[in-house]
Amino acid sequence: MNEYHIGTRVEVIARFAQLDGTPVNPTTVTFKFEDPAHNETALNFGESDDVTNPEVGEFHGFFTVDQPGHWYYRFESTGNVMIAYEDKIKVRNTVF
């Protein structure tokens, strides 16, 4: 699990591929993240600058952490490829 400091703009990555391993862009990709207080944010590729697609099959999600604890994130797709991937990061407390 990656650890970050409060105030960091975090970048997380998900890769989508067909069963044979060929990278593919799904019809839709939603990027979700949840802070330690359980506030969830959902962002859609094409509607938010915080979800990018720099190459086929690769999606990046960005969010800024503003409180310590575990933050969870998830990428999910629909359409021609239906895949979900989720993980968490840890944000350290600060003395400042």
PDB file of N, CA and C in Angstrom:
ATOM      1  N   MET A   1       0.848  -1.171   0.000  1.00  0.00           N
ATOM      2  CA  MET A   1       0.000   0.000   0.000  1.00  0.00           C
ATOM      3  C   MET A   1       0.897   1.238   0.000  1.00  0.00           C
ATOM      4  N   ASN A   2       0.602   2.146  -0.898  1.00  0.00           N
ATOM      5  CA  ASN A   2       1.370   3.389  -0.976  1.00  0.00           C
ATOM      6  C   ASN A   2       0.936   4.349   0.122  1.00  0.00           C
ATOM      7  N   GLU A   3       1.894   5.150   0.624  1.00  0.00           N
ATOM      8  CA  GLU A   3       1.613   6.154   1.640  1.00  0.00           C
ATOM      9  C   GLU A   3       1.916   7.544   1.102  1.00  0.00           C
ATOM     10  N   TYR A   4       1.082   8.522   1.497  1.00  0.00           N
ATOM     11  CA  TYR A   4       1.209   9.892   1.032  1.00  0.00           C
ATOM     12  C   TYR A   4       1.054  10.851   2.207  1.00  0.00           C
ATOM     13  N   HIS A   5       1.409  12.096   1.977  1.00  0.00           N
ATOM     14  CA  HIS A   5       1.235  13.153   2.970  1.00  0.00           C
ATOM     15  C   HIS A   5       0.016  13.989   2.616  1.00  0.00           C
ATOM     16  N   ILE A   6      -0.625  14.575   3.634  1.00  0.00           N
ATOM     17  CA  ILE A   6      -1.772  15.457   3.413  1.00  0.00           C
ATOM     18  C   ILE A   6      -1.368  16.576   2.452  1.00  0.00           C
ATOM     19  N   GLY A   7      -2.238  16.875   1.508  1.00  0.00           N
ATOM     20  CA  GLY A   7      -1.987  17.916   0.519  1.00  0.00           C
ATOM     21  C   GLY A   7      -1.419  17.404  -0.786  1.00  0.00           C
ATOM     22  N   THR A   8      -1.116  16.113  -0.854  1.00  0.00           N
ATOM     23  CA  THR A   8      -0.548  15.525  -2.073  1.00  0.00           C
ATOM     24  C   THR A   8      -1.637  15.271  -3.107  1.00  0.00           C
ATOM     25  N   ARG A   9      -1.334  15.589  -4.352  1.00  0.00           N
ATOM     26  CA  ARG A   9      -2.215  15.214  -5.465  1.00  0.00           C
ATOM     27  C   ARG A   9      -1.785  13.822  -5.906  1.00  0.00           C
ATOM     28  N   VAL A  10      -2.631  12.854  -5.691  1.00  0.00           N
ATOM     29  CA  VAL A  10      -2.324  11.453  -5.930  1.00  0.00           C
ATOM     30  C   VAL A  10      -2.755  11.065  -7.341  1.00  0.00           C
ATOM     31  N   GLU A  11      -1.925  10.257  -7.988  1.00  0.00           N
ATOM     32  CA  GLU A  11      -2.259   9.697  -9.299  1.00  0.00           C
ATOM     33  C   GLU A  11      -2.291   8.184  -9.179  1.00  0.00           C
ATOM     34  N   VAL A  12      -3.400   7.575  -9.581  1.00  0.00           N
ATOM     35  CA  VAL A  12      -3.528   6.122  -9.589  1.00  0.00           C
ATOM     36  C   VAL A  12      -3.869   5.682 -11.009  1.00  0.00           C
ATOM     37  N   ILE A  13      -3.511   4.450 -11.336  1.00  0.00           N
ATOM     38  CA  ILE A  13      -3.614   3.967 -12.720  1.00  0.00           C
ATOM     39  C   ILE A  13      -4.348   2.637 -12.768  1.00  0.00           C
ATOM     40  N   ALA A  14      -5.185   2.479 -13.786  1.00  0.00           N
ATOM     41  CA  ALA A  14      -5.838   1.201 -14.071  1.00  0.00           C
ATOM     42  C   ALA A  14      -5.622   0.872 -15.538  1.00  0.00           C
ATOM     43  N   ARG A  15      -5.431  -0.407 -15.806  1.00  0.00           N
ATOM     44  CA  ARG A  15      -5.239  -0.865 -17.186  1.00  0.00           C
ATOM     45  C   ARG A  15      -6.357  -1.834 -17.550  1.00  0.00           C
ATOM     46  N   PHE A  16      -6.920  -1.637 -18.741  1.00  0.00           N
ATOM     47  CA  PHE A  16      -8.023  -2.456 -19.230  1.00  0.00           C
ATOM     48  C   PHE A  16      -7.558  -3.221 -20.460  1.00  0.00           C
ATOM     49  N   ALA A  17      -7.891  -4.517 -20.505  1.00  0.00           N
ATOM     50  CA  ALA A  17      -7.469  -5.351 -21.632  1.00  0.00           C
ATOM     51  C   ALA A  17      -8.533  -6.403 -21.922  1.00  0.00           C
ATOM     52  N   GLN A  18      -8.500  -6.887 -23.154  1.00  0.00           N
ATOM     53  CA  GLN A  18      -9.356  -8.006 -23.534  1.00  0.00           C
ATOM     54  C   GLN A  18      -8.780  -9.279 -22.911  1.00  0.00           C
ATOM     55  N   LEU A  19      -9.493 -10.381 -23.019  1.00  0.00           N
ATOM     56  CA  LEU A  19      -9.031 -11.635 -22.423  1.00  0.00           C
ATOM     57  C   LEU A  19      -7.683 -12.086 -22.962  1.00  0.00           C
ATOM     58  N   ASP A  20      -7.374 -11.729 -24.210  1.00  0.00           N
ATOM     59  CA  ASP A  20      -6.084 -12.137 -24.790  1.00  0.00           C
ATOM     60  C   ASP A  20      -4.945 -11.188 -24.412  1.00  0.00           C
ATOM     61  N   GLY A  21      -5.249 -10.178 -23.582  1.00  0.00           N
ATOM     62  CA  GLY A  21      -4.225  -9.243 -23.126  1.00  0.00           C
ATOM     63  C   GLY A  21      -4.086  -7.990 -23.958  1.00  0.00           C
ATOM     64  N   THR A  22      -4.835  -7.880 -25.041  1.00  0.00           N
ATOM     65  CA  THR A  22      -4.776  -6.705 -25.895  1.00  0.00           C
ATOM     66  C   THR A  22      -5.408  -5.512 -25.178  1.00  0.00           C
ATOM     67  N   PRO A  23      -4.665  -4.394 -25.025  1.00  0.00           N
ATOM     68  CA  PRO A  23      -5.235  -3.209 -24.380  1.00  0.00           C
ATOM     69  C   PRO A  23      -6.466  -2.713 -25.140  1.00  0.00           C
ATOM     70  N   VAL A  24      -7.447  -2.242 -24.389  1.00  0.00           N
ATOM     71  CA  VAL A  24      -8.684  -1.763 -24.999  1.00  0.00           C
ATOM     72  C   VAL A  24      -9.264  -0.642 -24.142  1.00  0.00           C
ATOM     73  N   ASN A  25      -9.876   0.318 -24.813  1.00  0.00           N
ATOM     74  CA  ASN A  25     -10.612   1.367 -24.110  1.00  0.00           C
ATOM     75  C   ASN A  25     -12.066   0.944 -23.967  1.00  0.00           C
ATOM     76  N   PRO A  26     -12.553   0.816 -22.738  1.00  0.00           N
ATOM     77  CA  PRO A  26     -13.965   0.492 -22.544  1.00  0.00           C
ATOM     78  C   PRO A  26     -14.868   1.623 -23.051  1.00  0.00           C
ATOM     79  N   THR A  27     -16.139   1.315 -23.216  1.00  0.00           N
ATOM     80  CA  THR A  27     -17.100   2.320 -23.649  1.00  0.00           C
ATOM     81  C   THR A  27     -17.177   3.457 -22.637  1.00  0.00           C
ATOM     82  N   THR A  28     -17.261   3.119 -21.351  1.00  0.00           N
ATOM     83  CA  THR A  28     -17.251   4.131 -20.300  1.00  0.00           C
ATOM     84  C   THR A  28     -16.314   3.695 -19.177  1.00  0.00           C
ATOM     85  N   VAL A  29     -15.680   4.665 -18.539  1.00  0.00           N
ATOM     86  CA  VAL A  29     -14.843   4.403 -17.363  1.00  0.00           C
ATOM     87  C   VAL A  29     -15.230   5.403 -16.281  1.00  0.00           C
ATOM     88  N   THR A  30     -15.527   4.879 -15.096  1.00  0.00           N
ATOM     89  CA  THR A  30     -15.825   5.704 -13.933  1.00  0.00           C
ATOM     90  C   THR A  30     -14.723   5.486 -12.908  1.00  0.00           C
ATOM     91  N   PHE A  31     -14.237   6.588 -12.359  1.00  0.00           N
ATOM     92  CA  PHE A  31     -13.217   6.559 -11.315  1.00  0.00           C
ATOM     93  C   PHE A  31     -13.860   7.071 -10.035  1.00  0.00           C
ATOM     94  N   LYS A  32     -13.789   6.263  -8.977  1.00  0.00           N
ATOM     95  CA  LYS A  32     -14.375   6.641  -7.698  1.00  0.00           C
ATOM     96  C   LYS A  32     -13.290   6.652  -6.634  1.00  0.00           C
ATOM     97  N   PHE A  33     -13.426   7.557  -5.679  1.00  0.00           N
ATOM     98  CA  PHE A  33     -12.566   7.511  -4.509  1.00  0.00           C
ATOM     99  C   PHE A  33     -13.370   7.893  -3.279  1.00  0.00           C
ATOM    100  N   GLU A  34     -12.915   7.352  -2.133  1.00  0.00           N
ATOM    101  CA  GLU A  34     -13.613   7.581  -0.876  1.00  0.00           C
ATOM    102  C   GLU A  34     -12.608   7.991   0.182  1.00  0.00           C
ATOM    103  N   ASP A  35     -12.903   9.080   0.894  1.00  0.00           N
ATOM    104  CA  ASP A  35     -11.995   9.554   1.937  1.00  0.00           C
ATOM    105  C   ASP A  35     -12.252   8.792   3.242  1.00  0.00           C
ATOM    106  N   PRO A  36     -11.414   9.001   4.252  1.00  0.00           N
ATOM    107  CA  PRO A  36     -11.579   8.276   5.514  1.00  0.00           C
ATOM    108  C   PRO A  36     -12.909   8.532   6.232  1.00  0.00           C
ATOM    109  N   ALA A  37     -13.583   9.634   5.910  1.00  0.00           N
ATOM    110  CA  ALA A  37     -14.888   9.935   6.502  1.00  0.00           C
ATOM    111  C   ALA A  37     -16.033   9.324   5.696  1.00  0.00           C
ATOM    112  N   HIS A  38     -15.691   8.503   4.680  1.00  0.00           N
ATOM    113  CA  HIS A  38     -16.646   7.783   3.833  1.00  0.00           C
ATOM    114  C   HIS A  38     -17.411   8.681   2.868  1.00  0.00           C
ATOM    115  N   ASN A  39     -16.825   9.823   2.499  1.00  0.00           N
ATOM    116  CA  ASN A  39     -17.391  10.665   1.450  1.00  0.00           C
ATOM    117  C   ASN A  39     -16.886  10.143   0.114  1.00  0.00           C
ATOM    118  N   GLU A  40     -17.800   9.769  -0.752  1.00  0.00           N
ATOM    119  CA  GLU A  40     -17.428   9.188  -2.042  1.00  0.00           C
ATOM    120  C   GLU A  40     -17.598  10.206  -3.169  1.00  0.00           C
ATOM    121  N   THR A  41     -16.634  10.202  -4.085  1.00  0.00           N
ATOM    122  CA  THR A  41     -16.689  11.032  -5.282  1.00  0.00           C
ATOM    123  C   THR A  41     -16.590  10.119  -6.490  1.00  0.00           C
ATOM    124  N   ALA A  42     -17.422  10.319  -7.490  1.00  0.00           N
ATOM    125  CA  ALA A  42     -17.392   9.538  -8.725  1.00  0.00           C
ATOM    126  C   ALA A  42     -17.157  10.488  -9.897  1.00  0.00           C
ATOM    127  N   LEU A  43     -16.185  10.151 -10.732  1.00  0.00           N
ATOM    128  CA  LEU A  43     -15.820  10.965 -11.895  1.00  0.00           C
ATOM    129  C   LEU A  43     -15.832  10.095 -13.137  1.00  0.00           C
ATOM    130  N   ASN A  44     -16.368  10.609 -14.228  1.00  0.00           N
ATOM    131  CA  ASN A  44     -16.426   9.867 -15.481  1.00  0.00           C
ATOM    132  C   ASN A  44     -15.401  10.384 -16.475  1.00  0.00           C
ATOM    133  N   PHE A  45     -14.737   9.455 -17.167  1.00  0.00           N
ATOM    134  CA  PHE A  45     -13.819   9.859 -18.222  1.00  0.00           C
ATOM    135  C   PHE A  45     -14.608  10.607 -19.293  1.00  0.00           C
ATOM    136  N   GLY A  46     -14.042  11.707 -19.761  1.00  0.00           N
ATOM    137  CA  GLY A  46     -14.696  12.535 -20.761  1.00  0.00           C
ATOM    138  C   GLY A  46     -15.497  13.672 -20.154  1.00  0.00           C
ATOM    139  N   GLU A  47     -15.773  13.588 -18.856  1.00  0.00           N
ATOM    140  CA  GLU A  47     -16.519  14.634 -18.164  1.00  0.00           C
ATOM    141  C   GLU A  47     -15.682  15.344 -17.107  1.00  0.00           C
ATOM    142  N   SER A  48     -14.552  14.757 -16.740  1.00  0.00           N
ATOM    143  CA  SER A  48     -13.699  15.318 -15.697  1.00  0.00           C
ATOM    144  C   SER A  48     -12.243  15.293 -16.149  1.00  0.00           C
ATOM    145  N   ASP A  49     -11.532  16.390 -15.902  1.00  0.00           N
ATOM    146  CA  ASP A  49     -10.099  16.441 -16.205  1.00  0.00           C
ATOM    147  C   ASP A  49      -9.287  15.574 -15.261  1.00  0.00           C
ATOM    148  N   ASP A  50      -9.912  15.052 -14.202  1.00  0.00           N
ATOM    149  CA  ASP A  50      -9.209  14.215 -13.236  1.00  0.00           C
ATOM    150  C   ASP A  50      -9.229  12.735 -13.597  1.00  0.00           C
ATOM    151  N   VAL A  51      -9.750  12.408 -14.779  1.00  0.00           N
ATOM    152  CA  VAL A  51      -9.679  11.049 -15.314  1.00  0.00           C
ATOM    153  C   VAL A  51      -9.142  11.176 -16.730  1.00  0.00           C
ATOM    154  N   THR A  52      -7.958  10.610 -16.971  1.00  0.00           N
ATOM    155  CA  THR A  52      -7.325  10.737 -18.286  1.00  0.00           C
ATOM    156  C   THR A  52      -7.080   9.370 -18.906  1.00  0.00           C
ATOM    157  N   ASN A  53      -6.809   9.387 -20.207  1.00  0.00           N
ATOM    158  CA  ASN A  53      -6.588   8.167 -20.990  1.00  0.00           C
ATOM    159  C   ASN A  53      -5.390   8.407 -21.905  1.00  0.00           C
ATOM    160  N   PRO A  54      -4.154   8.381 -21.338  1.00  0.00           N
ATOM    161  CA  PRO A  54      -2.970   8.736 -22.127  1.00  0.00           C
ATOM    162  C   PRO A  54      -2.607   7.737 -23.221  1.00  0.00           C
ATOM    163  N   GLU A  55      -3.050   6.487 -23.082  1.00  0.00           N
ATOM    164  CA  GLU A  55      -2.825   5.502 -24.138  1.00  0.00           C
ATOM    165  C   GLU A  55      -3.914   4.443 -24.059  1.00  0.00           C
ATOM    166  N   VAL A  56      -4.061   3.673 -25.131  1.00  0.00           N
ATOM    167  CA  VAL A  56      -5.130   2.680 -25.198  1.00  0.00           C
ATOM    168  C   VAL A  56      -5.057   1.742 -23.994  1.00  0.00           C
ATOM    169  N   GLY A  57      -6.177   1.610 -23.317  1.00  0.00           N
ATOM    170  CA  GLY A  57      -6.289   0.694 -22.198  1.00  0.00           C
ATOM    171  C   GLY A  57      -5.785   1.217 -20.872  1.00  0.00           C
ATOM    172  N   GLU A  58      -5.226   2.409 -20.841  1.00  0.00           N
ATOM    173  CA  GLU A  58      -4.654   2.947 -19.600  1.00  0.00           C
ATOM    174  C   GLU A  58      -5.406   4.201 -19.175  1.00  0.00           C
ATOM    175  N   PHE A  59      -5.910   4.183 -17.943  1.00  0.00           N
ATOM    176  CA  PHE A  59      -6.648   5.313 -17.405  1.00  0.00           C
ATOM    177  C   PHE A  59      -5.999   5.752 -16.102  1.00  0.00           C
ATOM    178  N   HIS A  60      -5.884   7.065 -15.923  1.00  0.00           N
ATOM    179  CA  HIS A  60      -5.297   7.651 -14.721  1.00  0.00           C
ATOM    180  C   HIS A  60      -6.372   8.431 -13.987  1.00  0.00           C
ATOM    181  N   GLY A  61      -6.402   8.282 -12.668  1.00  0.00           N
ATOM    182  CA  GLY A  61      -7.300   9.049 -11.827  1.00  0.00           C
ATOM    183  C   GLY A  61      -6.485   9.909 -10.882  1.00  0.00           C
ATOM    184  N   PHE A  62      -6.944  11.124 -10.651  1.00  0.00           N
ATOM    185  CA  PHE A  62      -6.231  12.080  -9.804  1.00  0.00           C
ATOM    186  C   PHE A  62      -7.162  12.589  -8.708  1.00  0.00           C
ATOM    187  N   PHE A  63      -6.624  12.705  -7.498  1.00  0.00           N
ATOM    188  CA  PHE A  63      -7.359  13.327  -6.404  1.00  0.00           C
ATOM    189  C   PHE A  63      -6.354  13.841  -5.379  1.00  0.00           C
ATOM    190  N   THR A  64      -6.765  14.865  -4.624  1.00  0.00           N
ATOM    191  CA  THR A  64      -5.906  15.467  -3.607  1.00  0.00           C
ATOM    192  C   THR A  64      -6.386  15.013  -2.237  1.00  0.00           C
ATOM    193  N   VAL A  65      -5.450  14.493  -1.445  1.00  0.00           N
ATOM    194  CA  VAL A  65      -5.800  13.989  -0.119  1.00  0.00           C
ATOM    195  C   VAL A  65      -5.694  15.109   0.907  1.00  0.00           C
ATOM    196  N   ASP A  66      -6.739  15.245   1.732  1.00  0.00           N
ATOM    197  CA  ASP A  66      -6.780  16.356   2.685  1.00  0.00           C
ATOM    198  C   ASP A  66      -7.014  15.920   4.126  1.00  0.00           C
ATOM    199  N   GLN A  67      -6.963  14.602   4.356  1.00  0.00           N
ATOM    200  CA  GLN A  67      -7.089  14.111   5.720  1.00  0.00           C
ATOM    201  C   GLN A  67      -6.377  12.768   5.852  1.00  0.00           C
ATOM    202  N   PRO A  68      -5.878  12.466   7.064  1.00  0.00           N
ATOM    203  CA  PRO A  68      -5.145  11.214   7.253  1.00  0.00           C
ATOM    204  C   PRO A  68      -6.087  10.015   7.296  1.00  0.00           C
ATOM    205  N   GLY A  69      -5.517   8.861   7.017  1.00  0.00           N
ATOM    206  CA  GLY A  69      -6.281   7.619   7.087  1.00  0.00           C
ATOM    207  C   GLY A  69      -6.223   6.868   5.772  1.00  0.00           C
ATOM    208  N   HIS A  70      -7.090   5.877   5.646  1.00  0.00           N
ATOM    209  CA  HIS A  70      -7.146   5.076   4.422  1.00  0.00           C
ATOM    210  C   HIS A  70      -8.129   5.690   3.430  1.00  0.00           C
ATOM    211  N   TRP A  71      -7.662   5.863   2.210  1.00  0.00           N
ATOM    212  CA  TRP A  71      -8.478   6.322   1.094  1.00  0.00           C
ATOM    213  C   TRP A  71      -8.623   5.143   0.137  1.00  0.00           C
ATOM    214  N   TYR A  72      -9.831   4.925  -0.344  1.00  0.00           N
ATOM    215  CA  TYR A  72     -10.092   3.825  -1.266  1.00  0.00           C
ATOM    216  C   TYR A  72     -10.405   4.401  -2.642  1.00  0.00           C
ATOM    217  N   TYR A  73     -10.013   3.656  -3.677  1.00  0.00           N
ATOM    218  CA  TYR A  73     -10.344   4.094  -5.028  1.00  0.00           C
ATOM    219  C   TYR A  73     -10.730   2.901  -5.884  1.00  0.00           C
ATOM    220  N   ARG A  74     -11.482   3.193  -6.942  1.00  0.00           N
ATOM    221  CA  ARG A  74     -12.007   2.135  -7.806  1.00  0.00           C
ATOM    222  C   ARG A  74     -12.172   2.678  -9.224  1.00  0.00           C
ATOM    223  N   PHE A  75     -11.775   1.890 -10.188  1.00  0.00           N
ATOM    224  CA  PHE A  75     -12.074   2.132 -11.595  1.00  0.00           C
ATOM    225  C   PHE A  75     -13.060   1.051 -12.019  1.00  0.00           C
ATOM    226  N   GLU A  76     -14.093   1.439 -12.763  1.00  0.00           N
ATOM    227  CA  GLU A  76     -15.019   0.448 -13.294  1.00  0.00           C
ATOM    228  C   GLU A  76     -15.436   0.859 -14.698  1.00  0.00           C
ATOM    229  N   SER A  77     -15.658  -0.148 -15.522  1.00  0.00           N
ATOM    230  CA  SER A  77     -15.989   0.126 -16.915  1.00  0.00           C
ATOM    231  C   SER A  77     -17.280  -0.576 -17.299  1.00  0.00           C
ATOM    232  N   THR A  78     -17.894  -0.063 -18.360  1.00  0.00           N
ATOM    233  CA  THR A  78     -19.082  -0.687 -18.927  1.00  0.00           C
ATOM    234  C   THR A  78     -18.940  -0.695 -20.440  1.00  0.00           C
ATOM    235  N   GLY A  79     -19.829  -1.434 -21.076  1.00  0.00           N
ATOM    236  CA  GLY A  79     -19.831  -1.467 -22.536  1.00  0.00           C
ATOM    237  C   GLY A  79     -19.069  -2.658 -23.078  1.00  0.00           C
ATOM    238  N   ASN A  80     -18.136  -2.386 -23.983  1.00  0.00           N
ATOM    239  CA  ASN A  80     -17.425  -3.463 -24.675  1.00  0.00           C
ATOM    240  C   ASN A  80     -16.489  -4.259 -23.766  1.00  0.00           C
ATOM    241  N   VAL A  81     -16.071  -3.686 -22.652  1.00  0.00           N
ATOM    242  CA  VAL A  81     -15.232  -4.374 -21.659  1.00  0.00           C
ATOM    243  C   VAL A  81     -15.758  -4.009 -20.281  1.00  0.00           C
ATOM    244  N   MET A  82     -16.090  -5.000 -19.496  1.00  0.00           N
ATOM    245  CA  MET A  82     -16.620  -4.741 -18.155  1.00  0.00           C
ATOM    246  C   MET A  82     -15.630  -5.281 -17.134  1.00  0.00           C
ATOM    247  N   ILE A  83     -14.873  -4.360 -16.546  1.00  0.00           N
ATOM    248  CA  ILE A  83     -13.834  -4.709 -15.580  1.00  0.00           C
ATOM    249  C   ILE A  83     -13.914  -3.714 -14.428  1.00  0.00           C
ATOM    250  N   ALA A  84     -13.570  -4.167 -13.236  1.00  0.00           N
ATOM    251  CA  ALA A  84     -13.461  -3.273 -12.083  1.00  0.00           C
ATOM    252  C   ALA A  84     -12.137  -3.555 -11.387  1.00  0.00           C
ATOM    253  N   TYR A  85     -11.531  -2.494 -10.868  1.00  0.00           N
ATOM    254  CA  TYR A  85     -10.278  -2.609 -10.128  1.00  0.00           C
ATOM    255  C   TYR A  85     -10.344  -1.630  -8.970  1.00  0.00           C
ATOM    256  N   GLU A  86      -9.975  -2.095  -7.775  1.00  0.00           N
ATOM    257  CA  GLU A  86      -9.959  -1.174  -6.643  1.00  0.00           C
ATOM    258  C   GLU A  86      -8.778  -1.475  -5.726  1.00  0.00           C
ATOM    259  N   ASP A  87      -8.410  -0.453  -4.970  1.00  0.00           N
ATOM    260  CA  ASP A  87      -7.275  -0.556  -4.066  1.00  0.00           C
ATOM    261  C   ASP A  87      -7.404   0.566  -3.039  1.00  0.00           C
ATOM    262  N   LYS A  88      -6.402   0.696  -2.180  1.00  0.00           N
ATOM    263  CA  LYS A  88      -6.422   1.771  -1.188  1.00  0.00           C
ATOM    264  C   LYS A  88      -5.027   2.335  -1.017  1.00  0.00           C
ATOM    265  N   ILE A  89      -4.988   3.550  -0.472  1.00  0.00           N
ATOM    266  CA  ILE A  89      -3.735   4.196  -0.115  1.00  0.00           C
ATOM    267  C   ILE A  89      -3.848   4.658   1.328  1.00  0.00           C
ATOM    268  N   LYS A  90      -2.720   4.987   1.925  1.00  0.00           N
ATOM    269  CA  LYS A  90      -2.715   5.499   3.280  1.00  0.00           C
ATOM    270  C   LYS A  90      -2.157   6.912   3.270  1.00  0.00           C
ATOM    271  N   VAL A  91      -2.807   7.796   4.007  1.00  0.00           N
ATOM    272  CA  VAL A  91      -2.345   9.168   4.134  1.00  0.00           C
ATOM    273  C   VAL A  91      -1.896   9.372   5.579  1.00  0.00           C
ATOM    274  N   ARG A  92      -0.675   9.822   5.716  1.00  0.00           N
ATOM    275  CA  ARG A  92      -0.091  10.052   7.045  1.00  0.00           C
ATOM    276  C   ARG A  92      -0.613  11.345   7.651  1.00  0.00           C
ATOM    277  N   ASN A  93      -0.679  11.369   8.961  1.00  0.00           N
ATOM    278  CA  ASN A  93      -1.040  12.585   9.668  1.00  0.00           C
ATOM    279  C   ASN A  93       0.142  13.557   9.620  1.00  0.00           C
ATOM    280  N   THR A  94      -0.100  14.797   9.869  1.00  0.00           N
ATOM    281  CA  THR A  94       0.950  15.801   9.840  1.00  0.00           C
ATOM    282  C   THR A  94       1.041  16.501  11.194  1.00  0.00           C
ATOM    283  N   VAL A  95       2.213  16.997  11.512  1.00  0.00           N
ATOM    284  CA  VAL A  95       2.372  17.751  12.751  1.00  0.00           C
ATOM    285  C   VAL A  95       2.126  19.236  12.526  1.00  0.00           C
ATOM    286  N   PHE A  96       1.871  19.618  11.287  1.00  0.00           N
ATOM    287  CA  PHE A  96       1.662  21.037  10.954  1.00  0.00           C
ATOM    288  C   PHE A  96       0.204  21.356  10.799  1.00  0.00           C
TER     289      PHE A  96
END
